[in-house]
Amino acid sequence: MKPRLKILALLAPAVLFSALGTAALGDPSFKARMVNDDTPEVAEIRQLGENAINRLATTLVREVTNAMVKDGPEGALDVCHLKALPLTNGAIAGLSRITAVKRTSFKLRNPANAPDAAEQLVLDYIQKQLDYGDAPPSLLVQRVEYPAGAPEWRVYKPLGVMPKCVACHGDAAGQSEALRAKLAKLYPADQASGYHAGEWRGLIRVTVADAPANKL
C-alpha cells in the first residue's frame, strides 16, 4: 500500500522537526542542511516562507477549482501549475524576500520540475518518515551553501493529493479520452498519475532572501 498523508493539508501549521545535520549532495561544490534552530532569524525565514507558500497554494487551489467548475478536468489542466510570477528586482511581486518558487516530486508531470540535489534531500527525508509510519513535519527549513556564491534559505511544505486532484492525477482508467489525450500531448513523459486522495504528492518550495544586515 502506498503511504498516505494524515496531516499534510496545504495550509497546515508549521511544526519543528529533528535536524538532519549537514549533507553533501554528491556535488562537492555545495552543501545543504536542515535547520531547526529557534533563533529570531530562522523564525523569520520560516514565517516568510510559510506565508508565501500559503498565499501561492491558496491562489492555485482557487484557480483549479474555478477551472474544474467551468471546464472540467481538461480546463483545470491548463491552470494546475505555478504560473510564471513577475519578478521585480529579483523578487516575486508582493513578496519582497521570496526570490523563487517551485513544485517538485519523485513522480513528475513536467520534467522541468525535476528536483535538484538539495530538493532531493528533502524528498528522501519525507519518504523515510512515511516509510517509518511517521507523519513528516508540515514545514521544513533548509540552508544551502555555495563556495562561490551567497548561501540561500529554502522553505518547503509537503503537498498531499486533494480529492479534486485525483481527476488528473488518479488512475488513468477513470479519465476521459479527451483528458488522456491532452495529458499525452502536454506531458508525454508524465509520471504523476495513479495517486489516491490523501497521498503525498511532492513539495512546494520557496527561496527566501537574507534580510539586510541592519535588520538582523
N, C-alpha and C. Protein backbone atom coordinates (compact mmCIF):
# COMPACT_ATOMS: atom_id res chain seq x y z
N MET A 1 0.84 -1.20 0.00
CA MET A 1 0.00 0.00 0.00
C MET A 1 0.87 1.24 0.00
N LYS A 2 0.47 2.22 -0.80
CA LYS A 2 1.25 3.44 -0.87
C LYS A 2 1.07 4.25 0.41
N PRO A 3 2.12 4.98 0.85
CA PRO A 3 1.99 5.79 2.06
C PRO A 3 0.96 6.88 1.85
N ARG A 4 0.14 7.14 2.87
CA ARG A 4 -0.89 8.16 2.79
C ARG A 4 -0.60 9.24 3.81
N LEU A 5 -0.94 10.47 3.46
CA LEU A 5 -0.71 11.59 4.34
C LEU A 5 -1.89 11.73 5.28
N LYS A 6 -1.57 12.03 6.52
CA LYS A 6 -2.61 12.24 7.51
C LYS A 6 -2.74 13.72 7.89
N ILE A 7 -1.66 14.49 7.72
CA ILE A 7 -1.71 15.86 8.22
C ILE A 7 -1.26 16.88 7.19
N LEU A 8 -0.97 16.47 5.96
CA LEU A 8 -0.34 17.38 5.04
C LEU A 8 -1.34 18.17 4.21
N ALA A 9 -2.17 18.97 4.86
CA ALA A 9 -3.04 19.90 4.17
C ALA A 9 -2.21 21.07 3.69
N LEU A 10 -2.69 21.77 2.65
CA LEU A 10 -1.92 22.87 2.10
C LEU A 10 -1.67 23.96 3.12
N LEU A 11 -2.61 24.17 4.03
CA LEU A 11 -2.49 25.28 4.97
C LEU A 11 -2.21 24.79 6.38
N ALA A 12 -1.57 23.63 6.52
CA ALA A 12 -1.28 23.09 7.85
C ALA A 12 -0.29 23.98 8.58
N PRO A 13 -0.36 24.05 9.93
CA PRO A 13 0.57 24.89 10.67
C PRO A 13 1.96 24.29 10.67
N ALA A 14 2.94 25.16 10.87
CA ALA A 14 4.33 24.71 10.91
C ALA A 14 4.60 23.97 12.21
N VAL A 15 5.49 22.96 12.13
CA VAL A 15 5.93 22.26 13.32
C VAL A 15 7.43 22.10 13.23
N LEU A 16 8.06 21.87 14.38
CA LEU A 16 9.50 21.69 14.42
C LEU A 16 9.83 20.24 14.12
N PHE A 17 11.06 19.99 13.72
CA PHE A 17 11.49 18.63 13.41
C PHE A 17 12.95 18.47 13.80
N SER A 18 13.39 17.23 13.89
CA SER A 18 14.77 16.96 14.27
C SER A 18 15.71 17.37 13.15
N ALA A 19 16.80 18.01 13.50
CA ALA A 19 17.77 18.44 12.50
C ALA A 19 18.39 17.22 11.83
N LEU A 20 18.64 17.32 10.54
CA LEU A 20 19.22 16.21 9.80
C LEU A 20 20.72 16.36 9.64
N GLY A 21 21.26 17.45 10.16
CA GLY A 21 22.69 17.67 10.02
C GLY A 21 23.03 18.20 8.65
N THR A 22 24.31 18.18 8.32
CA THR A 22 24.79 18.68 7.04
C THR A 22 25.03 17.51 6.11
N ALA A 23 24.54 17.61 4.90
CA ALA A 23 24.69 16.52 3.93
C ALA A 23 25.34 17.03 2.67
N ALA A 24 26.43 16.38 2.28
CA ALA A 24 26.99 16.67 0.96
C ALA A 24 26.05 16.08 -0.07
N LEU A 25 25.85 16.77 -1.17
CA LEU A 25 24.83 16.39 -2.12
C LEU A 25 25.39 15.72 -3.36
N GLY A 26 26.49 15.01 -3.22
CA GLY A 26 27.09 14.36 -4.38
C GLY A 26 27.91 15.33 -5.21
N ASP A 27 27.74 16.59 -4.97
CA ASP A 27 28.48 17.63 -5.67
C ASP A 27 29.24 18.43 -4.62
N PRO A 28 30.57 18.33 -4.57
CA PRO A 28 31.33 18.99 -3.51
C PRO A 28 31.27 20.51 -3.59
N SER A 29 30.65 21.05 -4.64
CA SER A 29 30.61 22.49 -4.77
C SER A 29 29.60 23.14 -3.85
N PHE A 30 28.68 22.36 -3.25
CA PHE A 30 27.76 22.96 -2.30
C PHE A 30 27.23 21.92 -1.32
N LYS A 31 26.69 22.40 -0.22
CA LYS A 31 26.13 21.56 0.83
C LYS A 31 24.77 22.10 1.23
N ALA A 32 23.96 21.24 1.83
CA ALA A 32 22.66 21.66 2.32
C ALA A 32 22.44 21.03 3.69
N ARG A 33 21.78 21.76 4.56
CA ARG A 33 21.46 21.23 5.88
C ARG A 33 20.06 21.69 6.27
N MET A 34 19.36 20.82 6.99
CA MET A 34 18.07 21.19 7.51
C MET A 34 18.28 21.99 8.79
N VAL A 35 17.47 23.00 9.00
CA VAL A 35 17.66 23.94 10.11
C VAL A 35 16.48 23.87 11.05
N ASN A 36 16.78 23.64 12.32
CA ASN A 36 15.75 23.55 13.35
C ASN A 36 16.00 24.55 14.46
N ASP A 37 16.88 25.51 14.21
CA ASP A 37 17.22 26.49 15.25
C ASP A 37 16.02 27.36 15.56
N ASP A 38 15.94 27.80 16.81
CA ASP A 38 14.84 28.66 17.23
C ASP A 38 15.33 30.09 17.40
N THR A 39 16.19 30.53 16.49
CA THR A 39 16.71 31.89 16.55
C THR A 39 15.72 32.84 15.86
N PRO A 40 15.79 34.13 16.17
CA PRO A 40 14.89 35.09 15.50
C PRO A 40 15.03 35.05 13.98
N GLU A 41 16.25 34.89 13.47
CA GLU A 41 16.46 34.87 12.02
C GLU A 41 15.74 33.69 11.38
N VAL A 42 15.91 32.50 11.96
CA VAL A 42 15.27 31.31 11.39
C VAL A 42 13.75 31.40 11.53
N ALA A 43 13.29 31.91 12.67
CA ALA A 43 11.85 32.07 12.86
C ALA A 43 11.26 33.00 11.80
N GLU A 44 12.00 34.06 11.47
CA GLU A 44 11.53 34.98 10.45
C GLU A 44 11.50 34.32 9.07
N ILE A 45 12.57 33.56 8.76
CA ILE A 45 12.62 32.85 7.48
C ILE A 45 11.46 31.88 7.38
N ARG A 46 11.22 31.13 8.45
CA ARG A 46 10.14 30.14 8.45
C ARG A 46 8.79 30.83 8.23
N GLN A 47 8.56 31.94 8.90
CA GLN A 47 7.29 32.63 8.77
C GLN A 47 7.09 33.23 7.38
N LEU A 48 8.15 33.84 6.85
CA LEU A 48 8.07 34.39 5.49
C LEU A 48 7.78 33.29 4.47
N GLY A 49 8.48 32.17 4.62
CA GLY A 49 8.27 31.07 3.70
C GLY A 49 6.87 30.50 3.80
N GLU A 50 6.39 30.31 5.02
CA GLU A 50 5.05 29.75 5.18
C GLU A 50 3.99 30.69 4.64
N ASN A 51 4.13 31.98 4.91
CA ASN A 51 3.15 32.95 4.40
C ASN A 51 3.10 32.92 2.87
N ALA A 52 4.28 32.88 2.26
CA ALA A 52 4.34 32.88 0.79
C ALA A 52 3.73 31.59 0.22
N ILE A 53 4.08 30.45 0.80
CA ILE A 53 3.56 29.18 0.30
C ILE A 53 2.04 29.13 0.46
N ASN A 54 1.54 29.57 1.60
CA ASN A 54 0.09 29.56 1.81
C ASN A 54 -0.63 30.45 0.80
N ARG A 55 -0.04 31.61 0.54
CA ARG A 55 -0.65 32.52 -0.44
C ARG A 55 -0.65 31.90 -1.83
N LEU A 56 0.48 31.34 -2.24
CA LEU A 56 0.58 30.74 -3.57
C LEU A 56 -0.33 29.52 -3.69
N ALA A 57 -0.35 28.69 -2.64
CA ALA A 57 -1.17 27.48 -2.68
C ALA A 57 -2.66 27.82 -2.71
N THR A 58 -3.06 28.83 -1.94
CA THR A 58 -4.46 29.24 -1.93
C THR A 58 -4.89 29.72 -3.31
N THR A 59 -4.03 30.51 -3.94
CA THR A 59 -4.32 31.00 -5.29
C THR A 59 -4.44 29.85 -6.27
N LEU A 60 -3.53 28.90 -6.19
CA LEU A 60 -3.54 27.76 -7.09
C LEU A 60 -4.81 26.93 -6.91
N VAL A 61 -5.18 26.65 -5.67
CA VAL A 61 -6.38 25.85 -5.40
C VAL A 61 -7.62 26.58 -5.92
N ARG A 62 -7.67 27.88 -5.71
CA ARG A 62 -8.83 28.65 -6.18
C ARG A 62 -8.95 28.59 -7.71
N GLU A 63 -7.82 28.76 -8.40
CA GLU A 63 -7.85 28.74 -9.86
C GLU A 63 -8.24 27.36 -10.39
N VAL A 64 -7.71 26.32 -9.79
CA VAL A 64 -8.04 24.96 -10.23
C VAL A 64 -9.52 24.67 -9.98
N THR A 65 -10.02 25.07 -8.82
CA THR A 65 -11.43 24.84 -8.50
C THR A 65 -12.34 25.55 -9.50
N ASN A 66 -12.04 26.79 -9.79
CA ASN A 66 -12.85 27.54 -10.76
C ASN A 66 -12.80 26.90 -12.14
N ALA A 67 -11.62 26.44 -12.54
CA ALA A 67 -11.48 25.81 -13.86
C ALA A 67 -12.24 24.49 -13.92
N MET A 68 -12.21 23.73 -12.83
CA MET A 68 -12.93 22.46 -12.79
C MET A 68 -14.43 22.69 -12.96
N VAL A 69 -14.95 23.71 -12.28
CA VAL A 69 -16.38 24.01 -12.36
C VAL A 69 -16.75 24.45 -13.77
N LYS A 70 -15.89 25.27 -14.37
CA LYS A 70 -16.20 25.84 -15.68
C LYS A 70 -15.95 24.88 -16.83
N ASP A 71 -14.80 24.21 -16.83
CA ASP A 71 -14.39 23.43 -18.00
C ASP A 71 -14.02 21.98 -17.68
N GLY A 72 -14.22 21.53 -16.45
CA GLY A 72 -13.89 20.16 -16.11
C GLY A 72 -12.39 19.93 -16.00
N PRO A 73 -11.96 18.67 -15.87
CA PRO A 73 -10.54 18.37 -15.70
C PRO A 73 -9.66 18.90 -16.83
N GLU A 74 -10.17 18.87 -18.05
CA GLU A 74 -9.36 19.36 -19.17
C GLU A 74 -9.02 20.83 -19.01
N GLY A 75 -9.97 21.61 -18.52
CA GLY A 75 -9.70 23.03 -18.28
C GLY A 75 -8.79 23.24 -17.10
N ALA A 76 -8.95 22.42 -16.06
CA ALA A 76 -8.11 22.56 -14.88
C ALA A 76 -6.65 22.28 -15.22
N LEU A 77 -6.44 21.40 -16.19
CA LEU A 77 -5.07 21.05 -16.57
C LEU A 77 -4.30 22.27 -17.07
N ASP A 78 -5.01 23.24 -17.62
CA ASP A 78 -4.35 24.44 -18.14
C ASP A 78 -3.88 25.37 -17.03
N VAL A 79 -4.45 25.26 -15.84
CA VAL A 79 -4.09 26.19 -14.76
C VAL A 79 -3.43 25.49 -13.58
N CYS A 80 -3.32 24.17 -13.63
CA CYS A 80 -2.79 23.43 -12.49
C CYS A 80 -1.27 23.45 -12.50
N HIS A 81 -0.73 24.62 -12.32
CA HIS A 81 0.71 24.80 -12.25
C HIS A 81 0.97 26.14 -11.60
N LEU A 82 2.21 26.37 -11.19
CA LEU A 82 2.60 27.68 -10.66
C LEU A 82 2.97 28.54 -11.85
N LYS A 83 2.15 29.51 -12.14
CA LYS A 83 2.38 30.36 -13.30
C LYS A 83 3.66 31.15 -13.14
N ALA A 84 4.21 31.59 -14.25
CA ALA A 84 5.38 32.45 -14.21
C ALA A 84 5.01 33.70 -13.42
N LEU A 85 5.67 33.91 -12.31
CA LEU A 85 5.35 35.03 -11.44
C LEU A 85 6.26 36.20 -11.75
N PRO A 86 5.71 37.41 -11.83
CA PRO A 86 6.53 38.57 -12.20
C PRO A 86 7.60 38.86 -11.15
N LEU A 87 8.81 39.12 -11.62
CA LEU A 87 9.91 39.44 -10.74
C LEU A 87 10.21 40.94 -10.83
N THR A 88 10.42 41.53 -9.68
CA THR A 88 10.81 42.93 -9.61
C THR A 88 12.08 43.01 -8.78
N ASN A 89 13.17 43.42 -9.42
CA ASN A 89 14.47 43.46 -8.74
C ASN A 89 14.80 42.10 -8.14
N GLY A 90 14.50 41.04 -8.86
CA GLY A 90 14.87 39.69 -8.44
C GLY A 90 13.95 39.06 -7.42
N ALA A 91 12.82 39.69 -7.10
CA ALA A 91 11.90 39.14 -6.10
C ALA A 91 10.50 39.04 -6.70
N ILE A 92 9.69 38.14 -6.17
CA ILE A 92 8.31 37.98 -6.62
C ILE A 92 7.50 39.18 -6.17
N ALA A 93 6.74 39.74 -7.07
CA ALA A 93 5.94 40.92 -6.75
C ALA A 93 5.04 40.66 -5.56
N GLY A 94 5.07 41.57 -4.60
CA GLY A 94 4.25 41.44 -3.40
C GLY A 94 4.87 40.60 -2.31
N LEU A 95 5.95 39.90 -2.62
CA LEU A 95 6.66 39.07 -1.64
C LEU A 95 8.14 39.42 -1.75
N SER A 96 8.52 40.50 -1.11
CA SER A 96 9.79 41.15 -1.39
C SER A 96 11.02 40.27 -1.15
N ARG A 97 10.92 39.28 -0.26
CA ARG A 97 12.08 38.45 0.03
C ARG A 97 11.96 37.04 -0.54
N ILE A 98 10.93 36.78 -1.33
CA ILE A 98 10.77 35.49 -1.98
C ILE A 98 11.33 35.60 -3.39
N THR A 99 12.43 34.91 -3.66
CA THR A 99 13.13 35.06 -4.93
C THR A 99 12.91 33.90 -5.89
N ALA A 100 12.27 32.82 -5.45
CA ALA A 100 12.00 31.69 -6.34
C ALA A 100 10.91 30.83 -5.72
N VAL A 101 10.18 30.14 -6.58
CA VAL A 101 9.14 29.22 -6.13
C VAL A 101 9.13 28.03 -7.09
N LYS A 102 8.87 26.84 -6.53
CA LYS A 102 8.93 25.63 -7.36
C LYS A 102 8.13 24.52 -6.70
N ARG A 103 7.54 23.66 -7.53
CA ARG A 103 6.99 22.39 -7.05
C ARG A 103 7.83 21.27 -7.63
N THR A 104 8.04 20.22 -6.84
CA THR A 104 8.81 19.09 -7.32
C THR A 104 8.33 17.82 -6.66
N SER A 105 8.76 16.68 -7.18
CA SER A 105 8.26 15.40 -6.71
C SER A 105 9.16 14.29 -7.21
N PHE A 106 8.97 13.09 -6.67
CA PHE A 106 9.60 11.91 -7.25
C PHE A 106 8.97 11.57 -8.59
N LYS A 107 7.65 11.80 -8.69
CA LYS A 107 6.89 11.45 -9.89
C LYS A 107 6.48 12.74 -10.58
N LEU A 108 7.15 13.06 -11.66
CA LEU A 108 7.00 14.35 -12.31
C LEU A 108 5.96 14.31 -13.42
N ARG A 109 5.21 15.37 -13.52
CA ARG A 109 4.38 15.59 -14.69
C ARG A 109 5.17 16.38 -15.72
N ASN A 110 5.86 17.39 -15.26
CA ASN A 110 6.67 18.24 -16.13
C ASN A 110 8.14 18.03 -15.78
N PRO A 111 8.96 17.52 -16.70
CA PRO A 111 10.38 17.27 -16.39
C PRO A 111 11.13 18.52 -15.95
N ALA A 112 10.61 19.71 -16.29
CA ALA A 112 11.27 20.95 -15.87
C ALA A 112 11.24 21.12 -14.35
N ASN A 113 10.37 20.37 -13.68
CA ASN A 113 10.26 20.47 -12.22
C ASN A 113 11.10 19.42 -11.50
N ALA A 114 12.02 18.78 -12.19
CA ALA A 114 12.86 17.76 -11.55
C ALA A 114 13.60 18.34 -10.36
N PRO A 115 13.74 17.60 -9.27
CA PRO A 115 14.40 18.12 -8.08
C PRO A 115 15.89 18.30 -8.31
N ASP A 116 16.44 19.38 -7.76
CA ASP A 116 17.89 19.49 -7.71
C ASP A 116 18.38 18.71 -6.50
N ALA A 117 19.67 18.72 -6.25
CA ALA A 117 20.22 17.87 -5.19
C ALA A 117 19.71 18.25 -3.81
N ALA A 118 19.53 19.54 -3.56
CA ALA A 118 19.04 19.98 -2.25
C ALA A 118 17.59 19.55 -2.06
N GLU A 119 16.78 19.67 -3.09
CA GLU A 119 15.39 19.25 -3.00
C GLU A 119 15.28 17.73 -2.87
N GLN A 120 16.18 17.01 -3.51
CA GLN A 120 16.19 15.55 -3.40
C GLN A 120 16.40 15.12 -1.97
N LEU A 121 17.24 15.85 -1.25
CA LEU A 121 17.49 15.55 0.16
C LEU A 121 16.20 15.62 0.97
N VAL A 122 15.39 16.63 0.71
CA VAL A 122 14.13 16.79 1.44
C VAL A 122 13.12 15.73 1.03
N LEU A 123 13.04 15.43 -0.26
CA LEU A 123 12.15 14.37 -0.72
C LEU A 123 12.50 13.03 -0.06
N ASP A 124 13.79 12.72 0.00
CA ASP A 124 14.23 11.46 0.60
C ASP A 124 13.89 11.42 2.09
N TYR A 125 14.06 12.55 2.76
CA TYR A 125 13.76 12.61 4.19
C TYR A 125 12.28 12.33 4.45
N ILE A 126 11.41 12.98 3.69
CA ILE A 126 9.98 12.78 3.88
C ILE A 126 9.58 11.34 3.58
N GLN A 127 10.15 10.77 2.52
CA GLN A 127 9.82 9.38 2.18
C GLN A 127 10.22 8.44 3.31
N LYS A 128 11.37 8.68 3.93
CA LYS A 128 11.79 7.84 5.05
C LYS A 128 10.84 7.97 6.22
N GLN A 129 10.39 9.19 6.50
CA GLN A 129 9.44 9.39 7.59
C GLN A 129 8.16 8.58 7.33
N LEU A 130 7.66 8.64 6.11
CA LEU A 130 6.46 7.90 5.77
C LEU A 130 6.69 6.39 5.82
N ASP A 131 7.87 5.96 5.38
CA ASP A 131 8.19 4.53 5.43
C ASP A 131 8.22 4.02 6.86
N TYR A 132 8.64 4.89 7.80
CA TYR A 132 8.68 4.52 9.21
C TYR A 132 7.31 4.63 9.87
N GLY A 133 6.31 5.11 9.13
CA GLY A 133 4.98 5.28 9.69
C GLY A 133 4.80 6.58 10.44
N ASP A 134 5.74 7.50 10.29
CA ASP A 134 5.67 8.78 10.99
C ASP A 134 5.11 9.86 10.06
N ALA A 135 4.44 10.82 10.66
CA ALA A 135 3.97 11.97 9.89
C ALA A 135 5.11 12.97 9.78
N PRO A 136 5.52 13.33 8.57
CA PRO A 136 6.61 14.31 8.43
C PRO A 136 6.14 15.69 8.85
N PRO A 137 7.08 16.58 9.14
CA PRO A 137 6.70 17.94 9.50
C PRO A 137 5.99 18.64 8.36
N SER A 138 5.12 19.57 8.70
CA SER A 138 4.38 20.27 7.67
C SER A 138 5.15 21.43 7.08
N LEU A 139 6.30 21.76 7.66
CA LEU A 139 7.14 22.82 7.11
C LEU A 139 8.59 22.49 7.43
N LEU A 140 9.47 22.68 6.45
CA LEU A 140 10.89 22.39 6.63
C LEU A 140 11.70 23.58 6.14
N VAL A 141 12.76 23.88 6.88
CA VAL A 141 13.66 24.98 6.52
C VAL A 141 15.03 24.39 6.20
N GLN A 142 15.62 24.86 5.13
CA GLN A 142 16.90 24.34 4.67
C GLN A 142 17.84 25.50 4.34
N ARG A 143 19.12 25.31 4.66
CA ARG A 143 20.15 26.28 4.30
C ARG A 143 21.07 25.62 3.28
N VAL A 144 21.21 26.24 2.12
CA VAL A 144 22.07 25.73 1.07
C VAL A 144 23.26 26.67 0.94
N GLU A 145 24.47 26.10 0.98
CA GLU A 145 25.69 26.91 0.97
C GLU A 145 26.52 26.58 -0.26
N TYR A 146 27.01 27.63 -0.91
CA TYR A 146 27.83 27.50 -2.11
C TYR A 146 29.19 28.15 -1.86
N PRO A 147 30.29 27.47 -2.22
CA PRO A 147 31.61 28.09 -2.05
C PRO A 147 31.76 29.37 -2.86
N ALA A 148 31.20 29.39 -4.05
CA ALA A 148 31.35 30.56 -4.92
C ALA A 148 29.99 31.21 -5.12
N GLY A 149 29.47 31.79 -4.08
CA GLY A 149 28.18 32.45 -4.18
C GLY A 149 27.51 32.56 -2.83
N ALA A 150 26.49 33.39 -2.76
CA ALA A 150 25.80 33.60 -1.50
C ALA A 150 24.96 32.38 -1.12
N PRO A 151 24.93 32.02 0.16
CA PRO A 151 24.05 30.93 0.60
C PRO A 151 22.59 31.36 0.47
N GLU A 152 21.69 30.39 0.52
CA GLU A 152 20.27 30.73 0.42
C GLU A 152 19.45 29.91 1.39
N TRP A 153 18.31 30.48 1.76
CA TRP A 153 17.33 29.80 2.60
C TRP A 153 16.24 29.22 1.70
N ARG A 154 15.82 28.01 2.02
CA ARG A 154 14.68 27.41 1.34
C ARG A 154 13.67 26.93 2.37
N VAL A 155 12.41 27.15 2.08
CA VAL A 155 11.33 26.67 2.95
C VAL A 155 10.43 25.77 2.11
N TYR A 156 10.14 24.59 2.65
CA TYR A 156 9.37 23.57 1.93
C TYR A 156 8.09 23.22 2.69
N LYS A 157 7.04 22.92 1.96
CA LYS A 157 5.84 22.34 2.54
C LYS A 157 5.46 21.11 1.72
N PRO A 158 5.32 19.94 2.37
CA PRO A 158 4.84 18.76 1.65
C PRO A 158 3.40 18.98 1.18
N LEU A 159 3.08 18.45 0.02
CA LEU A 159 1.75 18.58 -0.55
C LEU A 159 1.08 17.22 -0.63
N GLY A 160 -0.16 17.18 -0.17
CA GLY A 160 -0.96 15.98 -0.30
C GLY A 160 -1.90 16.08 -1.48
N VAL A 161 -2.40 14.95 -1.93
CA VAL A 161 -3.33 14.90 -3.05
C VAL A 161 -4.74 15.20 -2.53
N MET A 162 -5.30 16.31 -2.96
CA MET A 162 -6.67 16.65 -2.60
C MET A 162 -7.63 15.85 -3.47
N PRO A 163 -8.87 15.63 -3.00
CA PRO A 163 -9.82 14.83 -3.79
C PRO A 163 -10.00 15.35 -5.21
N LYS A 164 -10.02 16.67 -5.40
CA LYS A 164 -10.20 17.20 -6.76
C LYS A 164 -9.00 16.93 -7.65
N CYS A 165 -7.82 16.69 -7.05
CA CYS A 165 -6.61 16.43 -7.83
C CYS A 165 -6.64 15.06 -8.49
N VAL A 166 -7.45 14.14 -7.93
CA VAL A 166 -7.47 12.77 -8.43
C VAL A 166 -7.96 12.72 -9.87
N ALA A 167 -8.77 13.71 -10.27
CA ALA A 167 -9.30 13.72 -11.63
C ALA A 167 -8.18 13.68 -12.66
N CYS A 168 -7.09 14.39 -12.38
CA CYS A 168 -5.96 14.43 -13.32
C CYS A 168 -4.76 13.61 -12.88
N HIS A 169 -4.70 13.28 -11.59
CA HIS A 169 -3.54 12.55 -11.07
C HIS A 169 -3.88 11.14 -10.59
N GLY A 170 -5.12 10.72 -10.78
CA GLY A 170 -5.52 9.40 -10.32
C GLY A 170 -5.31 8.32 -11.38
N ASP A 171 -6.09 7.26 -11.28
CA ASP A 171 -6.00 6.13 -12.21
C ASP A 171 -6.41 6.58 -13.61
N ALA A 172 -5.55 6.34 -14.58
CA ALA A 172 -5.85 6.75 -15.96
C ALA A 172 -7.11 6.07 -16.49
N ALA A 173 -7.44 4.90 -15.96
CA ALA A 173 -8.63 4.19 -16.43
C ALA A 173 -9.90 4.96 -16.15
N GLY A 174 -9.85 5.84 -15.16
CA GLY A 174 -11.03 6.61 -14.81
C GLY A 174 -11.09 7.97 -15.49
N GLN A 175 -10.14 8.24 -16.38
CA GLN A 175 -10.11 9.53 -17.07
C GLN A 175 -10.78 9.44 -18.43
N SER A 176 -11.30 10.55 -18.88
CA SER A 176 -11.92 10.58 -20.20
C SER A 176 -10.85 10.49 -21.29
N GLU A 177 -11.27 10.10 -22.47
CA GLU A 177 -10.33 10.03 -23.58
C GLU A 177 -9.76 11.40 -23.89
N ALA A 178 -10.58 12.44 -23.77
CA ALA A 178 -10.12 13.79 -24.05
C ALA A 178 -9.03 14.21 -23.07
N LEU A 179 -9.22 13.87 -21.80
CA LEU A 179 -8.22 14.23 -20.80
C LEU A 179 -6.92 13.46 -21.02
N ARG A 180 -7.03 12.16 -21.30
CA ARG A 180 -5.82 11.37 -21.54
C ARG A 180 -5.06 11.89 -22.76
N ALA A 181 -5.80 12.30 -23.78
CA ALA A 181 -5.15 12.82 -24.99
C ALA A 181 -4.43 14.14 -24.68
N LYS A 182 -5.06 14.98 -23.88
CA LYS A 182 -4.45 16.27 -23.55
C LYS A 182 -3.21 16.08 -22.69
N LEU A 183 -3.28 15.16 -21.73
CA LEU A 183 -2.12 14.86 -20.90
C LEU A 183 -0.97 14.34 -21.76
N ALA A 184 -1.28 13.44 -22.69
CA ALA A 184 -0.24 12.88 -23.55
C ALA A 184 0.39 13.95 -24.43
N LYS A 185 -0.41 14.91 -24.85
CA LYS A 185 0.11 15.98 -25.71
C LYS A 185 0.97 16.95 -24.92
N LEU A 186 0.49 17.37 -23.74
CA LEU A 186 1.21 18.37 -22.95
C LEU A 186 2.39 17.78 -22.18
N TYR A 187 2.23 16.55 -21.71
CA TYR A 187 3.24 15.93 -20.85
C TYR A 187 3.51 14.50 -21.31
N PRO A 188 4.21 14.32 -22.41
CA PRO A 188 4.44 12.97 -22.94
C PRO A 188 5.25 12.07 -22.01
N ALA A 189 6.00 12.67 -21.08
CA ALA A 189 6.80 11.87 -20.14
C ALA A 189 6.14 11.83 -18.76
N ASP A 190 4.84 12.05 -18.69
CA ASP A 190 4.12 12.15 -17.42
C ASP A 190 4.29 10.90 -16.57
N GLN A 191 4.63 11.13 -15.29
CA GLN A 191 4.72 10.05 -14.31
C GLN A 191 3.75 10.27 -13.14
N ALA A 192 3.10 11.43 -13.12
CA ALA A 192 2.33 11.85 -11.94
C ALA A 192 0.89 11.38 -12.01
N SER A 193 0.70 10.08 -12.05
CA SER A 193 -0.65 9.51 -12.07
C SER A 193 -0.70 8.31 -11.13
N GLY A 194 -1.90 7.80 -10.94
CA GLY A 194 -2.06 6.65 -10.06
C GLY A 194 -2.17 7.00 -8.59
N TYR A 195 -2.36 8.27 -8.28
CA TYR A 195 -2.48 8.70 -6.88
C TYR A 195 -3.90 8.50 -6.37
N HIS A 196 -4.01 8.43 -5.04
CA HIS A 196 -5.29 8.44 -4.35
C HIS A 196 -5.34 9.67 -3.43
N ALA A 197 -6.53 10.12 -3.13
CA ALA A 197 -6.69 11.27 -2.24
C ALA A 197 -6.01 10.98 -0.90
N GLY A 198 -5.25 11.96 -0.43
CA GLY A 198 -4.57 11.81 0.86
C GLY A 198 -3.13 11.39 0.75
N GLU A 199 -2.70 10.92 -0.42
CA GLU A 199 -1.30 10.51 -0.58
C GLU A 199 -0.39 11.73 -0.68
N TRP A 200 0.86 11.50 -0.35
CA TRP A 200 1.87 12.54 -0.51
C TRP A 200 2.17 12.71 -2.00
N ARG A 201 2.11 13.96 -2.44
CA ARG A 201 2.31 14.25 -3.87
C ARG A 201 3.71 14.77 -4.16
N GLY A 202 4.25 15.60 -3.27
CA GLY A 202 5.55 16.21 -3.52
C GLY A 202 5.75 17.41 -2.63
N LEU A 203 6.47 18.41 -3.12
CA LEU A 203 6.82 19.58 -2.32
C LEU A 203 6.54 20.86 -3.08
N ILE A 204 6.20 21.90 -2.33
CA ILE A 204 6.27 23.25 -2.85
C ILE A 204 7.39 23.94 -2.08
N ARG A 205 8.23 24.67 -2.80
CA ARG A 205 9.42 25.28 -2.18
C ARG A 205 9.53 26.74 -2.58
N VAL A 206 9.86 27.57 -1.61
CA VAL A 206 10.19 28.96 -1.89
C VAL A 206 11.60 29.24 -1.39
N THR A 207 12.29 30.13 -2.07
CA THR A 207 13.60 30.60 -1.64
C THR A 207 13.41 31.97 -1.00
N VAL A 208 13.98 32.13 0.20
CA VAL A 208 13.83 33.36 0.97
C VAL A 208 15.18 34.05 1.07
N ALA A 209 15.25 35.29 0.65
CA ALA A 209 16.50 36.03 0.69
C ALA A 209 16.83 36.43 2.13
N ASP A 210 18.12 36.53 2.41
CA ASP A 210 18.57 37.04 3.70
C ASP A 210 18.05 38.46 3.89
N ALA A 211 17.79 38.82 5.13
CA ALA A 211 17.41 40.19 5.44
C ALA A 211 18.64 41.08 5.35
N PRO A 212 18.46 42.36 5.09
CA PRO A 212 19.59 43.27 5.14
C PRO A 212 20.27 43.21 6.51
N ALA A 213 21.58 43.44 6.52
CA ALA A 213 22.35 43.29 7.76
C ALA A 213 21.78 44.13 8.90
N ASN A 214 21.24 45.29 8.60
CA ASN A 214 20.77 46.17 9.67
C ASN A 214 19.44 45.70 10.25
N LYS A 215 18.86 44.64 9.66
CA LYS A 215 17.62 44.11 10.21
C LYS A 215 17.83 42.88 11.07
N LEU A 216 19.05 42.31 11.05
CA LEU A 216 19.31 41.08 11.81
C LEU A 216 19.69 41.41 13.24
